[in-house]
Amino acid sequence: MVLAAGPSEALGEPVQLVDWNEKTLLESLVGDLLSWDLDPVVVVLGWQADEIIAATDLGSAVVVVNYEWEAGLGSSVTVGLDHLARERVAVPCVIMLGNQPGISQEDIATLAAEHAGDLTIPLYRYEPGYPIIIDRMRWDDVMSRQLPPLEIAAAHPRWVTEVRIDKPPLMRIEVKSDIARARDRFGAA
């Protein structure tokens, strides 16, 4: 699941539509997930959803809209997990952020190999981050809390499997200067 519902007001444009390797950032992220055979791929939009849908080709990904995106990341997680539950998806859910390039198939495979149930989070040089894997048996618990997954993990450490990933923390694109830094770091055009 790609969480891409929040506003990017400090950036001055929707982060989902930032040019990235001759596509939009969102198209690039979703395209990677689809090519890695993660199924289903769900994209949660909110702020400027109609504009983003019109400007992107998300292939076979399912788009759901969080009309209460202003309530924060936890509300988008709830909308996405609710959709998956209604579709009777029974596998763990990988959750990543739509403004965070640089996640590799290897990162997800490492997390999946270490996933022991409940929540699995990466530690990038001791800093927790995304993507996160949430086991199906925890979806109701996560949805009922309406909090970002990292806050839930901090509040319920017994649910958490931490996986060390030996690279710097992934960055989020939040302001204009982040775009150039991210392109330099990840070799994007």
C-alpha atoms as a PDB file:
ATOM      1  CA  MET A   1       0.000   0.000   0.000  1.00  0.00           C
ATOM      2  CA  VAL A   2       1.290   3.449  -0.905  1.00  0.00           C
ATOM      3  CA  LEU A   3       0.130   6.276   1.366  1.00  0.00           C
ATOM      4  CA  ALA A   4      -0.101   9.389  -0.803  1.00  0.00           C
ATOM      5  CA  ALA A   5      -3.017  11.310   0.684  1.00  0.00           C
ATOM      6  CA  GLY A   6      -1.315  14.144   2.531  1.00  0.00           C
ATOM      7  CA  PRO A   7      -0.782  17.679   1.320  1.00  0.00           C
ATOM      8  CA  SER A   8       2.576  18.882   0.123  1.00  0.00           C
ATOM      9  CA  GLU A   9       1.967  22.574   0.702  1.00  0.00           C
ATOM     10  CA  ALA A  10       5.582  23.342   1.642  1.00  0.00           C
ATOM     11  CA  LEU A  11       6.649  21.895  -1.696  1.00  0.00           C
ATOM     12  CA  GLY A  12       4.249  24.135  -3.626  1.00  0.00           C
ATOM     13  CA  GLU A  13       3.004  21.265  -5.816  1.00  0.00           C
ATOM     14  CA  PRO A  14       1.682  17.753  -5.230  1.00  0.00           C
ATOM     15  CA  VAL A  15       4.701  15.613  -4.337  1.00  0.00           C
ATOM     16  CA  GLN A  16       3.011  12.718  -6.087  1.00  0.00           C
ATOM     17  CA  LEU A  17       3.446  14.589  -9.400  1.00  0.00           C
ATOM     18  CA  VAL A  18       7.139  15.492  -9.044  1.00  0.00           C
ATOM     19  CA  ASP A  19       9.088  14.468 -12.161  1.00  0.00           C
ATOM     20  CA  TRP A  20      10.988  11.265 -11.443  1.00  0.00           C
ATOM     21  CA  ASN A  21      12.735   9.194 -14.114  1.00  0.00           C
ATOM     22  CA  GLU A  22      10.479  10.487 -16.897  1.00  0.00           C
ATOM     23  CA  LYS A  23       7.364   9.685 -14.851  1.00  0.00           C
ATOM     24  CA  THR A  24       5.760  11.146 -11.788  1.00  0.00           C
ATOM     25  CA  LEU A  25       7.151  10.096  -8.421  1.00  0.00           C
ATOM     26  CA  LEU A  26       3.922   8.225  -7.658  1.00  0.00           C
ATOM     27  CA  GLU A  27       3.981   6.405 -11.011  1.00  0.00           C
ATOM     28  CA  SER A  28       7.585   5.393 -10.378  1.00  0.00           C
ATOM     29  CA  LEU A  29       6.880   4.051  -6.870  1.00  0.00           C
ATOM     30  CA  VAL A  30       3.760   2.179  -7.959  1.00  0.00           C
ATOM     31  CA  GLY A  31       5.467   0.856 -11.080  1.00  0.00           C
ATOM     32  CA  ASP A  32       8.236  -0.605  -8.922  1.00  0.00           C
ATOM     33  CA  LEU A  33       5.732  -2.319  -6.618  1.00  0.00           C
ATOM     34  CA  LEU A  34       3.810  -3.766  -9.556  1.00  0.00           C
ATOM     35  CA  SER A  35       7.024  -5.073 -11.142  1.00  0.00           C
ATOM     36  CA  TRP A  36       7.967  -6.742  -7.838  1.00  0.00           C
ATOM     37  CA  ASP A  37       4.774  -8.826  -7.953  1.00  0.00           C
ATOM     38  CA  LEU A  38       3.276  -7.306  -4.825  1.00  0.00           C
ATOM     39  CA  ASP A  39      -0.432  -7.918  -5.207  1.00  0.00           C
ATOM     40  CA  PRO A  40      -2.669  -6.131  -4.730  1.00  0.00           C
ATOM     41  CA  VAL A  41      -1.079  -2.690  -4.870  1.00  0.00           C
ATOM     42  CA  VAL A  42      -3.343  -0.092  -3.262  1.00  0.00           C
ATOM     43  CA  VAL A  43      -2.706   3.653  -3.473  1.00  0.00           C
ATOM     44  CA  VAL A  44      -4.407   5.877  -0.898  1.00  0.00           C
ATOM     45  CA  LEU A  45      -4.958   9.410  -2.167  1.00  0.00           C
ATOM     46  CA  GLY A  46      -6.638  12.368  -0.492  1.00  0.00           C
ATOM     47  CA  TRP A  47      -5.450  15.945  -1.033  1.00  0.00           C
ATOM     48  CA  GLN A  48      -5.932  16.858  -4.717  1.00  0.00           C
ATOM     49  CA  ALA A  49      -6.909  13.264  -5.527  1.00  0.00           C
ATOM     50  CA  ASP A  50      -8.729  14.137  -8.763  1.00  0.00           C
ATOM     51  CA  GLU A  51      -5.732  16.076 -10.112  1.00  0.00           C
ATOM     52  CA  ILE A  52      -3.337  13.265  -9.207  1.00  0.00           C
ATOM     53  CA  ILE A  53      -5.553  10.566 -10.735  1.00  0.00           C
ATOM     54  CA  ALA A  54      -5.868  12.585 -13.961  1.00  0.00           C
ATOM     55  CA  ALA A  55      -2.099  13.142 -14.215  1.00  0.00           C
ATOM     56  CA  THR A  56      -0.862   9.627 -13.456  1.00  0.00           C
ATOM     57  CA  ASP A  57      -0.971   6.151 -14.920  1.00  0.00           C
ATOM     58  CA  LEU A  58      -0.969   3.762 -11.997  1.00  0.00           C
ATOM     59  CA  GLY A  59      -1.434   0.617 -14.059  1.00  0.00           C
ATOM     60  CA  SER A  60      -3.307  -2.140 -12.257  1.00  0.00           C
ATOM     61  CA  ALA A  61      -2.981  -0.499  -8.841  1.00  0.00           C
ATOM     62  CA  VAL A  62      -6.237   0.115  -6.999  1.00  0.00           C
ATOM     63  CA  VAL A  63      -6.815   3.735  -5.986  1.00  0.00           C
ATOM     64  CA  VAL A  64      -8.856   4.502  -2.883  1.00  0.00           C
ATOM     65  CA  VAL A  65      -9.551   8.010  -1.639  1.00  0.00           C
ATOM     66  CA  ASN A  66      -9.282   9.105   1.970  1.00  0.00           C
ATOM     67  CA  TYR A  67     -11.759  11.973   2.165  1.00  0.00           C
ATOM     68  CA  GLU A  68     -10.617  12.652   5.726  1.00  0.00           C
ATOM     69  CA  TRP A  69      -6.932  13.021   4.815  1.00  0.00           C
ATOM     70  CA  GLU A  70      -6.626  16.033   7.106  1.00  0.00           C
ATOM     71  CA  ALA A  71      -6.937  13.633  10.055  1.00  0.00           C
ATOM     72  CA  GLY A  72      -3.430  12.389   9.247  1.00  0.00           C
ATOM     73  CA  LEU A  73      -1.478   9.341   8.203  1.00  0.00           C
ATOM     74  CA  GLY A  74      -3.383   6.992  10.504  1.00  0.00           C
ATOM     75  CA  SER A  75      -6.638   7.762   8.701  1.00  0.00           C
ATOM     76  CA  SER A  76      -5.046   6.821   5.373  1.00  0.00           C
ATOM     77  CA  VAL A  77      -3.768   3.552   6.811  1.00  0.00           C
ATOM     78  CA  THR A  78      -7.301   2.826   8.013  1.00  0.00           C
ATOM     79  CA  VAL A  79      -8.830   3.567   4.598  1.00  0.00           C
ATOM     80  CA  GLY A  80      -6.297   1.342   2.846  1.00  0.00           C
ATOM     81  CA  LEU A  81      -6.529  -1.559   5.303  1.00  0.00           C
ATOM     82  CA  ASP A  82     -10.321  -1.330   5.285  1.00  0.00           C
ATOM     83  CA  HIS A  83     -10.295  -1.676   1.492  1.00  0.00           C
ATOM     84  CA  LEU A  84      -7.993  -4.708   1.697  1.00  0.00           C
ATOM     85  CA  ALA A  85     -10.148  -6.298   4.407  1.00  0.00           C
ATOM     86  CA  ARG A  86     -13.314  -5.800   2.318  1.00  0.00           C
ATOM     87  CA  GLU A  87     -11.518  -7.472  -0.598  1.00  0.00           C
ATOM     88  CA  ARG A  88     -10.719 -10.372   1.744  1.00  0.00           C
ATOM     89  CA  VAL A  89      -6.984 -10.010   1.358  1.00  0.00           C
ATOM     90  CA  ALA A  90      -5.391 -12.326   3.904  1.00  0.00           C
ATOM     91  CA  VAL A  91      -1.669 -11.624   3.494  1.00  0.00           C
ATOM     92  CA  PRO A  92       0.483  -9.128   5.421  1.00  0.00           C
ATOM     93  CA  CYS A  93       0.395  -5.569   4.091  1.00  0.00           C
ATOM     94  CA  VAL A  94       3.525  -3.644   3.097  1.00  0.00           C
ATOM     95  CA  ILE A  95       2.992   0.066   3.757  1.00  0.00           C
ATOM     96  CA  MET A  96       5.207   2.700   2.171  1.00  0.00           C
ATOM     97  CA  LEU A  97       5.033   6.464   1.837  1.00  0.00           C
ATOM     98  CA  GLY A  98       4.299   8.194  -1.459  1.00  0.00           C
ATOM     99  CA  ASN A  99       6.922  10.886  -0.852  1.00  0.00           C
ATOM    100  CA  GLN A 100       9.753   8.507  -0.074  1.00  0.00           C
ATOM    101  CA  PRO A 101      11.792   7.284  -3.042  1.00  0.00           C
ATOM    102  CA  GLY A 102      14.658   4.854  -2.688  1.00  0.00           C
ATOM    103  CA  ILE A 103      12.908   1.815  -1.289  1.00  0.00           C
ATOM    104  CA  SER A 104      14.299  -1.246  -3.019  1.00  0.00           C
ATOM    105  CA  GLN A 105      12.913  -4.683  -3.714  1.00  0.00           C
ATOM    106  CA  GLU A 106      15.773  -5.977  -1.578  1.00  0.00           C
ATOM    107  CA  ASP A 107      14.599  -3.855   1.394  1.00  0.00           C
ATOM    108  CA  ILE A 108      11.103  -5.309   1.160  1.00  0.00           C
ATOM    109  CA  ALA A 109      12.433  -8.860   0.720  1.00  0.00           C
ATOM    110  CA  THR A 110      14.641  -8.414   3.806  1.00  0.00           C
ATOM    111  CA  LEU A 111      11.674  -7.220   5.864  1.00  0.00           C
ATOM    112  CA  ALA A 112       9.442 -10.029   4.566  1.00  0.00           C
ATOM    113  CA  ALA A 113      12.072 -12.679   5.363  1.00  0.00           C
ATOM    114  CA  GLU A 114      12.281 -11.436   8.968  1.00  0.00           C
ATOM    115  CA  HIS A 115       8.534 -10.818   9.394  1.00  0.00           C
ATOM    116  CA  ALA A 116       7.442 -12.767  12.461  1.00  0.00           C
ATOM    117  CA  GLY A 117       3.892 -11.492  12.687  1.00  0.00           C
ATOM    118  CA  ASP A 118       2.304  -8.310  13.996  1.00  0.00           C
ATOM    119  CA  LEU A 119       4.422  -5.316  12.820  1.00  0.00           C
ATOM    120  CA  THR A 120       7.808  -5.421  11.144  1.00  0.00           C
ATOM    121  CA  ILE A 121       9.727  -2.175  10.858  1.00  0.00           C
ATOM    122  CA  PRO A 122      13.117  -1.357   9.383  1.00  0.00           C
ATOM    123  CA  LEU A 123      15.796   0.328  11.428  1.00  0.00           C
ATOM    124  CA  TYR A 124      18.011   2.395   9.164  1.00  0.00           C
ATOM    125  CA  ARG A 125      21.111   2.841  11.291  1.00  0.00           C
ATOM    126  CA  TYR A 126      18.969   2.720  14.443  1.00  0.00           C
ATOM    127  CA  GLU A 127      16.219   4.997  13.092  1.00  0.00           C
ATOM    128  CA  PRO A 128      12.796   3.391  12.520  1.00  0.00           C
ATOM    129  CA  GLY A 129      11.213   4.062   9.157  1.00  0.00           C
ATOM    130  CA  TYR A 130       9.216   2.710   6.241  1.00  0.00           C
ATOM    131  CA  PRO A 131       8.203   0.446   4.606  1.00  0.00           C
ATOM    132  CA  ILE A 132       6.381  -1.358   7.386  1.00  0.00           C
ATOM    133  CA  ILE A 133       4.758  -4.768   7.218  1.00  0.00           C
ATOM    134  CA  ILE A 134       1.527  -5.228   9.159  1.00  0.00           C
ATOM    135  CA  ASP A 135       0.276  -8.768   9.598  1.00  0.00           C
ATOM    136  CA  ARG A 136      -3.372  -9.431   8.762  1.00  0.00           C
ATOM    137  CA  MET A 137      -4.143 -10.357  12.381  1.00  0.00           C
ATOM    138  CA  ARG A 138      -3.210  -6.784  13.474  1.00  0.00           C
ATOM    139  CA  TRP A 139      -5.206  -4.818  10.890  1.00  0.00           C
ATOM    140  CA  ASP A 140      -8.219  -4.287  13.175  1.00  0.00           C
ATOM    141  CA  ASP A 141      -5.939  -3.155  16.010  1.00  0.00           C
ATOM    142  CA  VAL A 142      -4.162  -0.698  13.720  1.00  0.00           C
ATOM    143  CA  MET A 143      -7.390   0.631  12.166  1.00  0.00           C
ATOM    144  CA  SER A 144      -9.031   1.193  15.548  1.00  0.00           C
ATOM    145  CA  ARG A 145      -6.163   3.398  16.732  1.00  0.00           C
ATOM    146  CA  GLN A 146      -6.173   5.821  13.765  1.00  0.00           C
ATOM    147  CA  LEU A 147      -2.465   6.543  14.367  1.00  0.00           C
ATOM    148  CA  PRO A 148       0.591   6.364  12.124  1.00  0.00           C
ATOM    149  CA  PRO A 149       2.110   2.855  12.221  1.00  0.00           C
ATOM    150  CA  LEU A 150       5.369   4.045  13.807  1.00  0.00           C
ATOM    151  CA  GLU A 151       3.420   5.548  16.724  1.00  0.00           C
ATOM    152  CA  ILE A 152       1.528   2.286  17.161  1.00  0.00           C
ATOM    153  CA  ALA A 153       4.810   0.380  17.081  1.00  0.00           C
ATOM    154  CA  ALA A 154       6.273   2.669  19.756  1.00  0.00           C
ATOM    155  CA  ALA A 155       3.201   2.172  21.955  1.00  0.00           C
ATOM    156  CA  HIS A 156       3.182  -1.627  21.521  1.00  0.00           C
ATOM    157  CA  PRO A 157       6.804  -2.815  21.400  1.00  0.00           C
ATOM    158  CA  ARG A 158       5.779  -6.458  21.968  1.00  0.00           C
ATOM    159  CA  TRP A 159       4.097  -6.408  18.542  1.00  0.00           C
ATOM    160  CA  VAL A 160       7.248  -5.241  16.777  1.00  0.00           C
ATOM    161  CA  THR A 161       9.968  -7.074  14.905  1.00  0.00           C
ATOM    162  CA  GLU A 162      12.824  -4.694  14.117  1.00  0.00           C
ATOM    163  CA  VAL A 163      14.998  -5.405  11.098  1.00  0.00           C
ATOM    164  CA  ARG A 164      18.309  -3.620  10.730  1.00  0.00           C
ATOM    165  CA  ILE A 165      18.981  -2.227   7.263  1.00  0.00           C
ATOM    166  CA  ASP A 166      22.539  -1.026   6.883  1.00  0.00           C
ATOM    167  CA  LYS A 167      22.049   2.171   4.958  1.00  0.00           C
ATOM    168  CA  PRO A 168      21.145   5.744   5.830  1.00  0.00           C
ATOM    169  CA  PRO A 169      17.506   6.480   6.629  1.00  0.00           C
ATOM    170  CA  LEU A 170      15.374   7.009   3.568  1.00  0.00           C
ATOM    171  CA  MET A 171      14.421  10.599   2.961  1.00  0.00           C
ATOM    172  CA  ARG A 172      11.026  12.125   2.332  1.00  0.00           C
ATOM    173  CA  ILE A 173      10.461  14.757  -0.308  1.00  0.00           C
ATOM    174  CA  GLU A 174       8.818  17.627   1.581  1.00  0.00           C
ATOM    175  CA  VAL A 175      10.378  20.847   0.215  1.00  0.00           C
ATOM    176  CA  LYS A 176      11.885  21.861  -3.154  1.00  0.00           C
ATOM    177  CA  SER A 177      15.496  21.266  -2.069  1.00  0.00           C
ATOM    178  CA  ASP A 178      14.615  17.650  -1.203  1.00  0.00           C
ATOM    179  CA  ILE A 179      13.887  16.898  -4.868  1.00  0.00           C
ATOM    180  CA  ALA A 180      17.449  17.585  -6.030  1.00  0.00           C
ATOM    181  CA  ARG A 181      18.932  15.797  -3.008  1.00  0.00           C
ATOM    182  CA  ALA A 182      16.759  12.740  -3.629  1.00  0.00           C
ATOM    183  CA  ARG A 183      17.611  12.688  -7.342  1.00  0.00           C
ATOM    184  CA  ASP A 184      21.315  12.854  -6.511  1.00  0.00           C
ATOM    185  CA  ARG A 185      21.074  10.167  -3.859  1.00  0.00           C
ATOM    186  CA  PHE A 186      18.988   7.721  -5.883  1.00  0.00           C
ATOM    187  CA  GLY A 187      20.253   8.480  -9.388  1.00  0.00           C
ATOM    188  CA  ALA A 188      16.911   9.710 -10.662  1.00  0.00           C
ATOM    189  CA  ALA A 189      16.350  12.188 -13.457  1.00  0.00           C
END
